[in-house]
Every structure is written in structure tokens, then in C-alpha cells.
PDB file of N, CA and C in Angstrom:
ATOM      1  N   MET A   1      -9.542 -14.159  -3.976  1.00  0.00           N
ATOM      2  CA  MET A   1     -10.218 -14.025  -2.219  1.00  0.00           C
ATOM      3  C   MET A   1      -9.782 -12.890  -1.490  1.00  0.00           C
ATOM      4  N   GLN A   2     -10.766 -12.172  -0.739  1.00  0.00           N
ATOM      5  CA  GLN A   2     -10.699 -10.981  -0.670  1.00  0.00           C
ATOM      6  C   GLN A   2     -10.529 -11.434   1.119  1.00  0.00           C
ATOM      7  N   TYR A   3      -9.741 -10.471   1.740  1.00  0.00           N
ATOM      8  CA  TYR A   3      -9.125 -10.552   3.427  1.00  0.00           C
ATOM      9  C   TYR A   3      -9.651  -8.931   3.862  1.00  0.00           C
ATOM     10  N   LEU A   4     -10.098  -9.234   5.186  1.00  0.00           N
ATOM     11  CA  LEU A   4     -10.621  -8.269   5.844  1.00  0.00           C
ATOM     12  C   LEU A   4      -9.447  -7.695   6.426  1.00  0.00           C
ATOM     13  N   SER A   5      -9.601  -6.370   7.002  1.00  0.00           N
ATOM     14  CA  SER A   5      -8.562  -5.733   7.876  1.00  0.00           C
ATOM     15  C   SER A   5      -8.392  -6.265   9.057  1.00  0.00           C
ATOM     16  N   ASP A   6      -9.463  -7.106   9.622  1.00  0.00           N
ATOM     17  CA  ASP A   6      -9.221  -7.607  10.976  1.00  0.00           C
ATOM     18  C   ASP A   6      -8.219  -8.880  10.829  1.00  0.00           C
ATOM     19  N   ASN A   7      -8.003  -8.992   9.371  1.00  0.00           N
ATOM     20  CA  ASN A   7      -6.580 -10.499   9.375  1.00  0.00           C
ATOM     21  C   ASN A   7      -5.315  -9.712   9.675  1.00  0.00           C
ATOM     22  N   ASP A   8      -5.148  -8.337   9.686  1.00  0.00           N
ATOM     23  CA  ASP A   8      -3.730  -7.459   9.820  1.00  0.00           C
ATOM     24  C   ASP A   8      -3.303  -8.099  11.320  1.00  0.00           C
ATOM     25  N   THR A   9      -1.976  -8.366  11.305  1.00  0.00           N
ATOM     26  CA  THR A   9      -1.279  -8.715  12.395  1.00  0.00           C
ATOM     27  C   THR A   9      -0.145  -8.000  12.325  1.00  0.00           C
ATOM     28  N   ASN A  10       0.930  -8.322  13.524  1.00  0.00           N
ATOM     29  CA  ASN A  10       2.214  -7.232  13.542  1.00  0.00           C
ATOM     30  C   ASN A  10       3.152  -7.854  12.591  1.00  0.00           C
ATOM     31  N   THR A  11       2.719  -9.197  11.690  1.00  0.00           N
ATOM     32  CA  THR A  11       4.026  -9.252  10.470  1.00  0.00           C
ATOM     33  C   THR A  11       3.177  -8.917   8.986  1.00  0.00           C
ATOM     34  N   HIS A  12       1.968  -9.113   8.902  1.00  0.00           N
ATOM     35  CA  HIS A  12       1.102  -9.262   7.565  1.00  0.00           C
ATOM     36  C   HIS A  12       0.040  -8.086   7.875  1.00  0.00           C
ATOM     37  N   ARG A  13      -0.378  -7.666   6.637  1.00  0.00           N
ATOM     38  CA  ARG A  13      -1.239  -6.669   6.397  1.00  0.00           C
ATOM     39  C   ARG A  13      -2.023  -6.773   5.013  1.00  0.00           C
ATOM     40  N   VAL A  14      -3.698  -6.253   4.884  1.00  0.00           N
ATOM     41  CA  VAL A  14      -4.000  -6.551   4.010  1.00  0.00           C
ATOM     42  C   VAL A  14      -4.361  -5.107   3.142  1.00  0.00           C
ATOM     43  N   CYS A  15      -3.588  -5.225   1.340  1.00  0.00           N
ATOM     44  CA  CYS A  15      -3.425  -4.478   0.823  1.00  0.00           C
ATOM     45  C   CYS A  15      -5.142  -3.604   0.492  1.00  0.00           C
ATOM     46  N   GLY A  16      -4.887  -2.620   0.368  1.00  0.00           N
ATOM     47  CA  GLY A  16      -6.101  -1.573   0.285  1.00  0.00           C
ATOM     48  C   GLY A  16      -6.570  -1.979  -1.224  1.00  0.00           C
ATOM     49  N   THR A  17      -5.765  -2.465  -2.063  1.00  0.00           N
ATOM     50  CA  THR A  17      -5.912  -2.039  -3.554  1.00  0.00           C
ATOM     51  C   THR A  17      -6.462  -3.431  -4.037  1.00  0.00           C
ATOM     52  N   CYS A  18      -5.461  -4.401  -3.801  1.00  0.00           N
ATOM     53  CA  CYS A  18      -5.676  -5.840  -4.224  1.00  0.00           C
ATOM     54  C   CYS A  18      -6.135  -6.856  -3.104  1.00  0.00           C
ATOM     55  N   ASN A  19      -6.186  -6.412  -2.128  1.00  0.00           N
ATOM     56  CA  ASN A  19      -7.290  -7.171  -1.087  1.00  0.00           C
ATOM     57  C   ASN A  19      -6.233  -8.268  -0.677  1.00  0.00           C
ATOM     58  N   GLU A  20      -4.954  -8.556  -1.048  1.00  0.00           N
ATOM     59  CA  GLU A  20      -4.499  -9.591  -0.697  1.00  0.00           C
ATOM     60  C   GLU A  20      -3.369  -9.408   0.933  1.00  0.00           C
ATOM     61  N   LEU A  21      -3.213 -10.463   1.472  1.00  0.00           N
ATOM     62  CA  LEU A  21      -2.538 -10.656   2.669  1.00  0.00           C
ATOM     63  C   LEU A  21      -1.163 -10.675   2.446  1.00  0.00           C
ATOM     64  N   LYS A  22      -0.445  -9.408   2.763  1.00  0.00           N
ATOM     65  CA  LYS A  22       0.897  -9.697   2.414  1.00  0.00           C
ATOM     66  C   LYS A  22       1.885  -9.336   3.635  1.00  0.00           C
ATOM     67  N   PRO A  23       3.024  -9.688   3.646  1.00  0.00           N
ATOM     68  CA  PRO A  23       4.229  -9.417   4.739  1.00  0.00           C
ATOM     69  C   PRO A  23       4.066  -7.717   4.578  1.00  0.00           C
ATOM     70  N   LEU A  24       4.538  -7.258   5.636  1.00  0.00           N
ATOM     71  CA  LEU A  24       4.685  -5.990   6.168  1.00  0.00           C
ATOM     72  C   LEU A  24       5.937  -5.311   4.964  1.00  0.00           C
ATOM     73  N   THR A  25       6.945  -6.190   4.838  1.00  0.00           N
ATOM     74  CA  THR A  25       8.249  -5.836   4.240  1.00  0.00           C
ATOM     75  C   THR A  25       7.781  -5.530   2.589  1.00  0.00           C
ATOM     76  N   GLU A  26       6.276  -5.982   2.463  1.00  0.00           N
ATOM     77  CA  GLU A  26       5.873  -5.755   0.789  1.00  0.00           C
ATOM     78  C   GLU A  26       5.126  -4.331   1.113  1.00  0.00           C
ATOM     79  N   PHE A  27       5.033  -3.364   2.333  1.00  0.00           N
ATOM     80  CA  PHE A  27       4.222  -2.467   2.142  1.00  0.00           C
ATOM     81  C   PHE A  27       5.895  -1.121   2.387  1.00  0.00           C
ATOM     82  N   TYR A  28       5.310  -0.051   1.947  1.00  0.00           N
ATOM     83  CA  TYR A  28       6.167   1.010   2.406  1.00  0.00           C
ATOM     84  C   TYR A  28       5.957   1.542   4.069  1.00  0.00           C
ATOM     85  N   LYS A  29       6.979   2.188   4.479  1.00  0.00           N
ATOM     86  CA  LYS A  29       6.804   2.571   5.702  1.00  0.00           C
ATOM     87  C   LYS A  29       5.948   4.192   5.391  1.00  0.00           C
ATOM     88  N   ASP A  30       5.427   4.861   6.361  1.00  0.00           N
ATOM     89  CA  ASP A  30       4.620   5.789   6.326  1.00  0.00           C
ATOM     90  C   ASP A  30       4.670   6.498   7.743  1.00  0.00           C
ATOM     91  N   GLY A  31       6.056   6.750   8.129  1.00  0.00           N
ATOM     92  CA  GLY A  31       5.961   7.587   9.404  1.00  0.00           C
ATOM     93  C   GLY A  31       6.039   6.414  10.802  1.00  0.00           C
ATOM     94  N   LYS A  32       5.604   7.290  11.722  1.00  0.00           N
ATOM     95  CA  LYS A  32       5.353   6.524  13.046  1.00  0.00           C
ATOM     96  C   LYS A  32       3.984   7.180  13.859  1.00  0.00           C
ATOM     97  N   ASP A  33       3.515   6.292  14.569  1.00  0.00           N
ATOM     98  CA  ASP A  33       2.423   6.849  15.418  1.00  0.00           C
ATOM     99  C   ASP A  33       3.044   7.166  16.626  1.00  0.00           C
ATOM    100  N   THR A  34       1.686   8.019  17.324  1.00  0.00           N
ATOM    101  CA  THR A  34       2.221   8.528  18.806  1.00  0.00           C
ATOM    102  C   THR A  34       3.086   7.853  19.888  1.00  0.00           C
ATOM    103  N   GLU A  35       3.102   6.672  19.486  1.00  0.00           N
ATOM    104  CA  GLU A  35       3.774   5.334  20.401  1.00  0.00           C
ATOM    105  C   GLU A  35       5.185   5.232  19.719  1.00  0.00           C
ATOM    106  N   GLY A  36       5.362   5.841  18.660  1.00  0.00           N
ATOM    107  CA  GLY A  36       6.979   5.330  18.297  1.00  0.00           C
ATOM    108  C   GLY A  36       6.803   3.988  17.198  1.00  0.00           C
ATOM    109  N   ASN A  37       5.659   3.492  17.167  1.00  0.00           N
ATOM    110  CA  ASN A  37       5.364   2.044  16.200  1.00  0.00           C
ATOM    111  C   ASN A  37       5.444   2.672  14.906  1.00  0.00           C
ATOM    112  N   TYR A  38       6.219   1.970  13.978  1.00  0.00           N
ATOM    113  CA  TYR A  38       6.077   2.253  12.357  1.00  0.00           C
ATOM    114  C   TYR A  38       4.478   2.166  11.913  1.00  0.00           C
ATOM    115  N   ARG A  39       4.055   2.914  10.895  1.00  0.00           N
ATOM    116  CA  ARG A  39       2.825   2.932  10.243  1.00  0.00           C
ATOM    117  C   ARG A  39       3.151   2.355   8.882  1.00  0.00           C
ATOM    118  N   TYR A  40       2.415   1.976   8.231  1.00  0.00           N
ATOM    119  CA  TYR A  40       2.572   1.577   6.746  1.00  0.00           C
ATOM    120  C   TYR A  40       1.454   1.866   5.777  1.00  0.00           C
ATOM    121  N   ARG A  41       2.048   2.266   4.588  1.00  0.00           N
ATOM    122  CA  ARG A  41       1.083   2.798   3.398  1.00  0.00           C
ATOM    123  C   ARG A  41      -0.163   1.456   3.451  1.00  0.00           C
ATOM    124  N   ARG A  42      -1.335   2.134   3.095  1.00  0.00           N
ATOM    125  CA  ARG A  42      -2.554   1.042   2.992  1.00  0.00           C
ATOM    126  C   ARG A  42      -2.277   0.473   1.542  1.00  0.00           C
ATOM    127  N   ASP A  43      -1.442   0.708   0.529  1.00  0.00           N
ATOM    128  CA  ASP A  43      -1.378   0.026  -0.386  1.00  0.00           C
ATOM    129  C   ASP A  43       0.029  -0.690  -0.393  1.00  0.00           C
ATOM    130  N   CYS A  44       0.150  -2.040  -1.093  1.00  0.00           N
ATOM    131  CA  CYS A  44       1.387  -2.909  -0.785  1.00  0.00           C
ATOM    132  C   CYS A  44       2.537  -2.276  -2.302  1.00  0.00           C
ATOM    133  N   LYS A  45       3.692  -2.447  -1.841  1.00  0.00           N
ATOM    134  CA  LYS A  45       4.678  -1.369  -3.097  1.00  0.00           C
ATOM    135  C   LYS A  45       4.450  -1.648  -4.741  1.00  0.00           C
ATOM    136  N   GLU A  46       3.668  -2.949  -5.071  1.00  0.00           N
ATOM    137  CA  GLU A  46       3.352  -3.086  -6.410  1.00  0.00           C
ATOM    138  C   GLU A  46       2.124  -2.286  -6.792  1.00  0.00           C
ATOM    139  N   CYS A  47       1.039  -2.463  -6.004  1.00  0.00           N
ATOM    140  CA  CYS A  47      -0.249  -1.436  -6.084  1.00  0.00           C
ATOM    141  C   CYS A  47       0.674  -0.073  -6.221  1.00  0.00           C
ATOM    142  N   TYR A  48       1.434   0.133  -5.101  1.00  0.00           N
ATOM    143  CA  TYR A  48       1.529   1.718  -5.010  1.00  0.00           C
ATOM    144  C   TYR A  48       2.169   1.925  -6.485  1.00  0.00           C
ATOM    145  N   LYS A  49       2.888   1.175  -7.155  1.00  0.00           N
ATOM    146  CA  LYS A  49       3.809   1.627  -8.313  1.00  0.00           C
ATOM    147  C   LYS A  49       2.946   1.627  -9.257  1.00  0.00           C
ATOM    148  N   ASN A  50       2.226   0.463  -9.293  1.00  0.00           N
ATOM    149  CA  ASN A  50       1.444   0.496 -10.541  1.00  0.00           C
ATOM    150  C   ASN A  50       0.991   2.042 -10.562  1.00  0.00           C
ATOM    151  N   THR A  51      -0.112   2.522  -9.431  1.00  0.00           N
ATOM    152  CA  THR A  51      -0.815   3.505  -9.161  1.00  0.00           C
ATOM    153  C   THR A  51      -0.144   4.815  -9.945  1.00  0.00           C
ATOM    154  N   ARG A  52       1.096   4.974  -9.279  1.00  0.00           N
ATOM    155  CA  ARG A  52       2.130   5.990  -9.735  1.00  0.00           C
ATOM    156  C   ARG A  52       2.527   6.058 -11.214  1.00  0.00           C
ATOM    157  N   MET A  53       2.375   4.737 -11.971  1.00  0.00           N
ATOM    158  CA  MET A  53       3.065   4.812 -13.189  1.00  0.00           C
ATOM    159  C   MET A  53       1.628   5.036 -13.956  1.00  0.00           C
ATOM    160  N   GLN A  54       0.442   4.906 -13.438  1.00  0.00           N
ATOM    161  CA  GLN A  54      -0.797   5.159 -14.332  1.00  0.00           C
ATOM    162  C   GLN A  54      -1.000   6.879 -14.055  1.00  0.00           C
ATOM    163  N   GLU A  55      -0.795   7.211 -12.838  1.00  0.00           N
ATOM    164  CA  GLU A  55      -0.660   8.823 -12.745  1.00  0.00           C
ATOM    165  C   GLU A  55       0.217   9.460 -13.560  1.00  0.00           C
ATOM    166  N   ALA A  56       1.342   9.028 -13.809  1.00  0.00           N
ATOM    167  CA  ALA A  56       2.158   9.408 -14.565  1.00  0.00           C
ATOM    168  C   ALA A  56       1.826   9.683 -16.028  1.00  0.00           C
ATOM    169  N   ALA A  57       1.386   8.584 -16.775  1.00  0.00           N
ATOM    170  CA  ALA A  57       0.853   8.530 -17.935  1.00  0.00           C
ATOM    171  C   ALA A  57      -0.201   9.531 -18.431  1.00  0.00           C
ATOM    172  N   MET A  58      -1.233   9.420 -17.249  1.00  0.00           N
ATOM    173  CA  MET A  58      -2.342  10.230 -17.445  1.00  0.00           C
ATOM    174  C   MET A  58      -1.521  11.920 -17.374  1.00  0.00           C
ATOM    175  N   LYS A  59      -1.023  12.186 -16.675  1.00  0.00           N
ATOM    176  CA  LYS A  59      -0.302  13.288 -16.668  1.00  0.00           C
ATOM    177  C   LYS A  59       0.191  13.785 -18.278  1.00  0.00           C
ATOM    178  N   LEU A  60       0.910  12.770 -18.550  1.00  0.00           N
ATOM    179  CA  LEU A  60       1.786  13.223 -19.734  1.00  0.00           C
ATOM    180  C   LEU A  60       0.680  13.382 -20.904  1.00  0.00           C
ATOM    181  N   ARG A  61      -0.419  12.435 -20.888  1.00  0.00           N
ATOM    182  CA  ARG A  61      -1.051  12.495 -21.858  1.00  0.00           C
ATOM    183  C   ARG A  61      -2.193  14.018 -22.013  1.00  0.00           C
ATOM    184  N   ARG A  62      -2.191  14.212 -20.582  1.00  0.00           N
ATOM    185  CA  ARG A  62      -3.059  15.566 -20.692  1.00  0.00           C
ATOM    186  C   ARG A  62      -2.247  16.789 -21.021  1.00  0.00           C
ATOM    187  N   GLU A  63      -0.845  16.911 -20.914  1.00  0.00           N
ATOM    188  CA  GLU A  63      -0.066  17.955 -21.265  1.00  0.00           C
ATOM    189  C   GLU A  63       0.244  17.946 -22.854  1.00  0.00           C
ATOM    190  N   LYS A  64       0.077  16.765 -23.502  1.00  0.00           N
ATOM    191  CA  LYS A  64       0.075  17.096 -25.310  1.00  0.00           C
ATOM    192  C   LYS A  64      -0.944  17.341 -25.552  1.00  0.00           C
TER     193      LYS A  64
END
């Protein structure tokens, strides 16, 4: 099921990678906006971790 960003609320957000609606606790904080409110990364923690692991593996393969 795909969710649109219109479904984002103060407690939940749609991940930009897996398109699942998840609580904000599943996202890393990404600084604050001009009003002092926290901003959150586009990807959930799980997708962010998977992407980083894939990038690290690709880097290792290039170095060999």
C-alpha cells in the first residue's frame, strides 16, 4: 500500500523509500526549522540503514 505525504501528521510520517506510514520515532531527527520545530529525515531508520550498508558495500567493491 502506498501512502501520500498528505498523510503526514504530528506523530506519523510516510517514508520516502518504502512509502509506509510510520511513527516519528522511526525517523532520525534532521535539525530544526526556523520556528524551532524538529525536522526529520525523509527515510525511516530501517531504509536509511539499508541504503548506507549498500553504499558501503559498493565502495568496498570499487576499491578492490
